[in-house]
C-alpha atoms as a PDB file:
ATOM      1  CA  MET A   1      15.999 -19.129   2.735  1.00  0.00           C
ATOM      2  CA  PRO A   2      14.796 -18.134   6.236  1.00  0.00           C
ATOM      3  CA  GLU A   3      12.020 -20.194   7.823  1.00  0.00           C
ATOM      4  CA  GLN A   4       8.514 -18.770   7.493  1.00  0.00           C
ATOM      5  CA  LYS A   5       8.276 -17.869  11.173  1.00  0.00           C
ATOM      6  CA  ASP A   6      11.273 -15.559  10.850  1.00  0.00           C
ATOM      7  CA  PHE A   7       9.880 -13.207   8.220  1.00  0.00           C
ATOM      8  CA  LEU A   8       7.398 -11.330  10.405  1.00  0.00           C
ATOM      9  CA  GLN A   9      10.034 -11.052  13.124  1.00  0.00           C
ATOM     10  CA  ARG A  10      12.503  -9.555  10.639  1.00  0.00           C
ATOM     11  CA  VAL A  11      10.294  -7.294   8.554  1.00  0.00           C
ATOM     12  CA  TYR A  12       9.878  -4.587  11.194  1.00  0.00           C
ATOM     13  CA  LYS A  13      13.554  -4.713  12.130  1.00  0.00           C
ATOM     14  CA  VAL A  14      14.940  -3.937   8.681  1.00  0.00           C
ATOM     15  CA  THR A  15      16.930  -0.698   8.782  1.00  0.00           C
ATOM     16  CA  SER A  16      17.833  -0.097   5.124  1.00  0.00           C
ATOM     17  CA  ARG A  17      16.245  -0.118   1.692  1.00  0.00           C
ATOM     18  CA  ALA A  18      18.714  -2.794   0.566  1.00  0.00           C
ATOM     19  CA  GLY A  19      17.797  -4.939   3.538  1.00  0.00           C
ATOM     20  CA  ALA A  20      14.082  -4.560   2.821  1.00  0.00           C
ATOM     21  CA  HIS A  21      14.593  -5.467  -0.831  1.00  0.00           C
ATOM     22  CA  ALA A  22      16.540  -8.608   0.068  1.00  0.00           C
ATOM     23  CA  LEU A  23      13.912  -9.637   2.604  1.00  0.00           C
ATOM     24  CA  TYR A  24      11.011  -9.345   0.173  1.00  0.00           C
ATOM     25  CA  GLN A  25      12.930 -11.101  -2.588  1.00  0.00           C
ATOM     26  CA  ASP A  26      13.428 -14.052  -0.223  1.00  0.00           C
ATOM     27  CA  TRP A  27       9.903 -13.891   1.167  1.00  0.00           C
ATOM     28  CA  ALA A  28       7.963 -13.766  -2.117  1.00  0.00           C
ATOM     29  CA  ALA A  29       7.222 -17.486  -2.463  1.00  0.00           C
ATOM     30  CA  ASP A  30       5.854 -17.838   1.080  1.00  0.00           C
ATOM     31  CA  TYR A  31       4.511 -14.333   1.679  1.00  0.00           C
ATOM     32  CA  GLU A  32       0.835 -15.106   1.160  1.00  0.00           C
ATOM     33  CA  THR A  33       0.964 -18.193   3.364  1.00  0.00           C
ATOM     34  CA  VAL A  34       2.631 -16.311   6.214  1.00  0.00           C
ATOM     35  CA  VAL A  35       0.325 -13.300   6.210  1.00  0.00           C
ATOM     36  CA  ALA A  36      -2.786 -15.469   5.807  1.00  0.00           C
ATOM     37  CA  GLU A  37      -1.772 -17.467   8.866  1.00  0.00           C
ATOM     38  CA  ASN A  38      -1.625 -14.173  10.759  1.00  0.00           C
ATOM     39  CA  GLY A  39      -5.033 -12.940   9.610  1.00  0.00           C
ATOM     40  CA  TYR A  40      -3.873 -10.140   7.293  1.00  0.00           C
ATOM     41  CA  ILE A  41      -7.043  -8.092   6.739  1.00  0.00           C
ATOM     42  CA  THR A  42      -5.740  -4.683   5.652  1.00  0.00           C
ATOM     43  CA  PRO A  43      -6.203  -5.223   1.876  1.00  0.00           C
ATOM     44  CA  THR A  44      -9.907  -5.883   2.404  1.00  0.00           C
ATOM     45  CA  ARG A  45     -10.266  -2.909   4.752  1.00  0.00           C
ATOM     46  CA  CYS A  46      -8.549  -0.565   2.274  1.00  0.00           C
ATOM     47  CA  ALA A  47     -10.478  -1.828  -0.745  1.00  0.00           C
ATOM     48  CA  GLU A  48     -13.837  -1.470   0.970  1.00  0.00           C
ATOM     49  CA  ALA A  49     -12.960   2.016   2.217  1.00  0.00           C
ATOM     50  CA  LEU A  50     -11.936   3.246  -1.236  1.00  0.00           C
ATOM     51  CA  ALA A  51     -14.925   1.681  -2.993  1.00  0.00           C
ATOM     52  CA  ALA A  52     -17.253   3.442  -0.573  1.00  0.00           C
ATOM     53  CA  HIS A  53     -15.848   6.863  -1.503  1.00  0.00           C
ATOM     54  CA  VAL A  54     -15.447   6.806  -5.302  1.00  0.00           C
ATOM     55  CA  ASP A  55     -18.128   6.877  -7.977  1.00  0.00           C
ATOM     56  CA  ASP A  56     -16.365   5.213 -10.921  1.00  0.00           C
ATOM     57  CA  LEU A  57     -14.795   1.821 -10.205  1.00  0.00           C
ATOM     58  CA  THR A  58     -13.470   1.660 -13.774  1.00  0.00           C
ATOM     59  CA  ALA A  59     -11.142   4.667 -13.262  1.00  0.00           C
ATOM     60  CA  PRO A  60      -7.427   3.709 -13.279  1.00  0.00           C
ATOM     61  CA  LEU A  61      -6.029   2.722  -9.885  1.00  0.00           C
ATOM     62  CA  LEU A  62      -2.313   2.346  -9.129  1.00  0.00           C
ATOM     63  CA  ASP A  63      -1.490  -0.160  -6.394  1.00  0.00           C
ATOM     64  CA  LEU A  64       1.776   1.063  -4.839  1.00  0.00           C
ATOM     65  CA  GLY A  65       3.901  -1.700  -3.327  1.00  0.00           C
ATOM     66  CA  CYS A  66       1.503  -4.281  -4.743  1.00  0.00           C
ATOM     67  CA  GLY A  67       3.665  -7.223  -3.680  1.00  0.00           C
ATOM     68  CA  THR A  68       2.225 -10.573  -4.701  1.00  0.00           C
ATOM     69  CA  GLY A  69      -1.140  -9.074  -5.595  1.00  0.00           C
ATOM     70  CA  LEU A  70      -3.168  -9.569  -2.419  1.00  0.00           C
ATOM     71  CA  SER A  71      -4.192  -5.926  -2.459  1.00  0.00           C
ATOM     72  CA  GLY A  72      -5.069  -6.089  -6.148  1.00  0.00           C
ATOM     73  CA  MET A  73      -7.297  -9.086  -5.462  1.00  0.00           C
ATOM     74  CA  ALA A  74      -9.095  -7.148  -2.734  1.00  0.00           C
ATOM     75  CA  PHE A  75      -9.698  -4.177  -5.035  1.00  0.00           C
ATOM     76  CA  ARG A  76     -10.927  -6.475  -7.784  1.00  0.00           C
ATOM     77  CA  GLU A  77     -13.327  -8.176  -5.366  1.00  0.00           C
ATOM     78  CA  VAL A  78     -15.038  -4.875  -4.518  1.00  0.00           C
ATOM     79  CA  GLY A  79     -15.409  -3.943  -8.199  1.00  0.00           C
ATOM     80  CA  PHE A  80     -12.322  -2.036  -9.389  1.00  0.00           C
ATOM     81  CA  THR A  81     -11.575  -3.063 -12.968  1.00  0.00           C
ATOM     82  CA  THR A  82      -8.496  -1.107 -14.113  1.00  0.00           C
ATOM     83  CA  ILE A  83      -5.613  -1.775 -11.739  1.00  0.00           C
ATOM     84  CA  ASP A  84      -1.879  -1.361 -12.312  1.00  0.00           C
ATOM     85  CA  GLY A  85       0.697  -2.447  -9.757  1.00  0.00           C
ATOM     86  CA  THR A  86       4.210  -1.430  -8.863  1.00  0.00           C
ATOM     87  CA  ASP A  87       6.781  -2.901  -6.516  1.00  0.00           C
ATOM     88  CA  PHE A  88      10.547  -2.833  -5.961  1.00  0.00           C
ATOM     89  CA  SER A  89      10.788  -6.616  -5.645  1.00  0.00           C
ATOM     90  CA  THR A  90      10.897  -8.491  -8.936  1.00  0.00           C
ATOM     91  CA  GLU A  91      10.157 -11.733  -7.131  1.00  0.00           C
ATOM     92  CA  MET A  92       7.018 -10.260  -5.598  1.00  0.00           C
ATOM     93  CA  LEU A  93       5.979  -8.989  -9.031  1.00  0.00           C
ATOM     94  CA  ARG A  94       6.541 -12.459 -10.447  1.00  0.00           C
ATOM     95  CA  GLN A  95       3.977 -13.805  -7.989  1.00  0.00           C
ATOM     96  CA  ALA A  96       1.557 -10.991  -8.900  1.00  0.00           C
ATOM     97  CA  ALA A  97       1.977 -11.657 -12.624  1.00  0.00           C
ATOM     98  CA  ALA A  98       0.967 -15.282 -12.076  1.00  0.00           C
ATOM     99  CA  LYS A  99      -2.510 -14.031 -11.125  1.00  0.00           C
ATOM    100  CA  LYS A 100      -3.602 -13.726 -14.736  1.00  0.00           C
ATOM    101  CA  GLY A 101      -5.904 -10.821 -15.534  1.00  0.00           C
ATOM    102  CA  LEU A 102      -5.569  -9.208 -12.122  1.00  0.00           C
ATOM    103  CA  TYR A 103      -3.384  -6.260 -13.117  1.00  0.00           C
ATOM    104  CA  ARG A 104      -3.495  -4.374 -16.394  1.00  0.00           C
ATOM    105  CA  CYS A 105       0.268  -3.925 -16.101  1.00  0.00           C
ATOM    106  CA  LEU A 106       2.994  -4.372 -13.511  1.00  0.00           C
ATOM    107  CA  ILE A 107       5.877  -1.934 -13.068  1.00  0.00           C
ATOM    108  CA  ALA A 108       9.182  -2.617 -11.340  1.00  0.00           C
ATOM    109  CA  ALA A 109       9.969   0.673  -9.594  1.00  0.00           C
ATOM    110  CA  ASN A 110      11.564   2.113  -6.493  1.00  0.00           C
ATOM    111  CA  LEU A 111       9.135   4.650  -5.071  1.00  0.00           C
ATOM    112  CA  ASP A 112      12.029   6.604  -3.557  1.00  0.00           C
ATOM    113  CA  ALA A 113      12.555   7.896  -7.096  1.00  0.00           C
ATOM    114  CA  GLY A 114       8.941   9.067  -7.356  1.00  0.00           C
ATOM    115  CA  LEU A 115       5.704   7.604  -8.635  1.00  0.00           C
ATOM    116  CA  PRO A 116       5.673   5.915 -12.041  1.00  0.00           C
ATOM    117  CA  GLY A 117       3.811   7.681 -14.813  1.00  0.00           C
ATOM    118  CA  LYS A 118       2.846  11.298 -15.292  1.00  0.00           C
ATOM    119  CA  PRO A 119       1.025  13.194 -12.518  1.00  0.00           C
ATOM    120  CA  GLY A 120      -2.685  12.612 -12.900  1.00  0.00           C
ATOM    121  CA  ALA A 121      -2.260   9.430 -14.938  1.00  0.00           C
ATOM    122  CA  TYR A 122      -4.157   7.495 -12.252  1.00  0.00           C
ATOM    123  CA  GLU A 123      -7.458   8.657 -10.827  1.00  0.00           C
ATOM    124  CA  HIS A 124      -6.764   6.826  -7.572  1.00  0.00           C
ATOM    125  CA  LEU A 125      -3.789   5.467  -5.637  1.00  0.00           C
ATOM    126  CA  ALA A 126      -3.445   2.778  -2.989  1.00  0.00           C
ATOM    127  CA  ALA A 127      -0.649   1.935  -0.564  1.00  0.00           C
ATOM    128  CA  VAL A 128      -1.773  -1.109   1.382  1.00  0.00           C
ATOM    129  CA  GLY A 129       0.496  -2.159   4.218  1.00  0.00           C
ATOM    130  CA  ILE A 130       3.622  -0.565   2.753  1.00  0.00           C
ATOM    131  CA  PHE A 131       4.134   2.279   5.217  1.00  0.00           C
ATOM    132  CA  SER A 132       6.428   1.326   8.051  1.00  0.00           C
ATOM    133  CA  PRO A 133       9.524   2.920   9.572  1.00  0.00           C
ATOM    134  CA  ASN A 134      12.598   2.116   7.454  1.00  0.00           C
ATOM    135  CA  HIS A 135      10.372   0.939   4.596  1.00  0.00           C
ATOM    136  CA  ALA A 136       8.106   3.453   2.827  1.00  0.00           C
ATOM    137  CA  PRO A 137       8.859   6.884   4.327  1.00  0.00           C
ATOM    138  CA  ALA A 138       6.349   9.506   5.405  1.00  0.00           C
ATOM    139  CA  SER A 139       7.407  11.672   2.454  1.00  0.00           C
ATOM    140  CA  LEU A 140       5.604   9.247   0.130  1.00  0.00           C
ATOM    141  CA  LEU A 141       2.286  10.514   1.501  1.00  0.00           C
ATOM    142  CA  GLY A 142       2.886  13.955   0.023  1.00  0.00           C
ATOM    143  CA  ALA A 143       4.278  12.532  -3.211  1.00  0.00           C
ATOM    144  CA  ALA A 144       1.169  10.396  -3.673  1.00  0.00           C
ATOM    145  CA  ILE A 145      -1.200  13.307  -3.119  1.00  0.00           C
ATOM    146  CA  GLY A 146       0.841  15.397  -5.553  1.00  0.00           C
ATOM    147  CA  GLY A 147       0.440  12.707  -8.201  1.00  0.00           C
ATOM    148  CA  LEU A 148      -3.362  12.697  -8.095  1.00  0.00           C
ATOM    149  CA  PRO A 149      -5.763  14.759 -10.208  1.00  0.00           C
ATOM    150  CA  ALA A 150      -8.280  16.973  -8.417  1.00  0.00           C
ATOM    151  CA  GLY A 151     -10.945  14.755  -6.874  1.00  0.00           C
ATOM    152  CA  GLY A 152      -8.754  11.647  -6.974  1.00  0.00           C
ATOM    153  CA  CYS A 153      -8.466   9.497  -3.867  1.00  0.00           C
ATOM    154  CA  PHE A 154      -5.562   7.887  -2.049  1.00  0.00           C
ATOM    155  CA  VAL A 155      -6.218   4.956   0.289  1.00  0.00           C
ATOM    156  CA  PHE A 156      -3.456   3.734   2.592  1.00  0.00           C
ATOM    157  CA  SER A 157      -2.773   2.185   5.959  1.00  0.00           C
ATOM    158  CA  LEU A 158      -0.515   3.167   8.838  1.00  0.00           C
ATOM    159  CA  ASN A 159       0.233   0.278  11.151  1.00  0.00           C
ATOM    160  CA  ASP A 160       0.968   0.582  14.863  1.00  0.00           C
ATOM    161  CA  HIS A 161       4.684   1.017  14.167  1.00  0.00           C
ATOM    162  CA  CYS A 162       3.935   4.043  11.947  1.00  0.00           C
ATOM    163  CA  LEU A 163       1.462   5.524  14.394  1.00  0.00           C
ATOM    164  CA  ALA A 164       4.178   5.464  17.044  1.00  0.00           C
ATOM    165  CA  VAL A 165       6.450   7.612  14.841  1.00  0.00           C
ATOM    166  CA  SER A 166       5.463  11.289  14.622  1.00  0.00           C
ATOM    167  CA  SER A 167       6.704  11.811  11.053  1.00  0.00           C
ATOM    168  CA  TYR A 168       3.704  10.036   9.509  1.00  0.00           C
ATOM    169  CA  THR A 169       0.994  11.944  11.335  1.00  0.00           C
ATOM    170  CA  ALA A 170       3.034  15.136  10.891  1.00  0.00           C
ATOM    171  CA  ALA A 171       3.050  14.565   7.124  1.00  0.00           C
ATOM    172  CA  LEU A 172      -0.740  14.149   7.186  1.00  0.00           C
ATOM    173  CA  ASP A 173      -1.106  17.356   9.199  1.00  0.00           C
ATOM    174  CA  GLN A 174       1.065  19.184   6.678  1.00  0.00           C
ATOM    175  CA  ILE A 175      -1.017  17.956   3.734  1.00  0.00           C
ATOM    176  CA  ALA A 176      -4.218  19.073   5.456  1.00  0.00           C
ATOM    177  CA  ALA A 177      -2.778  22.440   6.513  1.00  0.00           C
ATOM    178  CA  ALA A 178      -1.634  23.155   2.962  1.00  0.00           C
ATOM    179  CA  GLY A 179      -5.120  22.425   1.657  1.00  0.00           C
ATOM    180  CA  GLU A 180      -3.818  19.768  -0.719  1.00  0.00           C
ATOM    181  CA  ALA A 181      -6.269  17.092   0.349  1.00  0.00           C
ATOM    182  CA  GLU A 182      -8.961  16.305   2.864  1.00  0.00           C
ATOM    183  CA  ILE A 183      -9.253  13.202   4.997  1.00  0.00           C
ATOM    184  CA  ILE A 184     -12.623  11.751   4.060  1.00  0.00           C
ATOM    185  CA  PHE A 185     -12.246   8.481   5.960  1.00  0.00           C
ATOM    186  CA  ASN A 186     -10.091   7.095   8.740  1.00  0.00           C
ATOM    187  CA  GLU A 187     -10.687   4.088  10.920  1.00  0.00           C
ATOM    188  CA  TYR A 188      -8.504   2.069  13.261  1.00  0.00           C
ATOM    189  CA  GLY A 189      -8.819  -1.703  13.153  1.00  0.00           C
ATOM    190  CA  PRO A 190      -6.957  -5.007  12.768  1.00  0.00           C
ATOM    191  CA  HIS A 191      -3.910  -5.411  10.540  1.00  0.00           C
ATOM    192  CA  LEU A 192      -2.241  -8.695  11.536  1.00  0.00           C
ATOM    193  CA  PRO A 193      -4.499  -9.926  14.347  1.00  0.00           C
ATOM    194  CA  GLU A 194      -2.375 -12.957  15.211  1.00  0.00           C
ATOM    195  CA  GLN A 195       0.534 -10.572  15.826  1.00  0.00           C
ATOM    196  CA  ASP A 196      -1.730  -8.232  17.833  1.00  0.00           C
ATOM    197  CA  LEU A 197      -0.954  -5.514  15.299  1.00  0.00           C
ATOM    198  CA  GLY A 198      -3.470  -2.908  14.202  1.00  0.00           C
ATOM    199  CA  ALA A 199      -3.592  -0.181  11.571  1.00  0.00           C
ATOM    200  CA  GLU A 200      -5.410   3.026  10.750  1.00  0.00           C
ATOM    201  CA  VAL A 201      -6.905   3.054   7.247  1.00  0.00           C
ATOM    202  CA  TYR A 202      -7.229   6.469   5.590  1.00  0.00           C
ATOM    203  CA  VAL A 203      -8.816   7.772   2.421  1.00  0.00           C
ATOM    204  CA  LEU A 204      -7.660  11.215   1.286  1.00  0.00           C
ATOM    205  CA  ARG A 205      -9.258  13.159  -1.551  1.00  0.00           C
ATOM    206  CA  ARG A 206      -7.150  15.585  -3.601  1.00  0.00           C
ATOM    207  CA  ARG A 207      -8.515  19.119  -3.647  1.00  0.00           C
END
């Protein structure tokens, strides 16, 4: 298994889905320690942003790329009560499952094949820290919006690596131009402060 210090150096250099899957399988046991040491604040930022823009915190929320459950914990802390999680790494999901009572259910799924469940099954969606070049593609933004019911919200983050790639902001522009959703919140701030890495947090509401 790679040393802890190597994971953050490798994660943004992965160039294939298979490589990303192998990395997260290896990283699962130490993931929370590594990101905590680097001040990972994005789950809290996303959870607070979503909670500020929805009325019913009991409505079902799907946590895309939930990993070990750090994002689920953040949503629970601000009052969300019905949270499902999905991830492509079974080892990450194993860590999330150990947090008893956090998720209503956990789903092993590759988001390249589409969102789990029927469109509209979840009132809200979250994608905390999963967008990055060669990881979750920009096309997932449109797929997520398409899976929401009218009035549902999607909270997500785009880190500095994403913001440097035009496909992500272009996908947002396309969603807005098509009238599919409106951006009701966006704010730039810290992501992994110890790595001097920031992220823009967005909340989109489905029209």
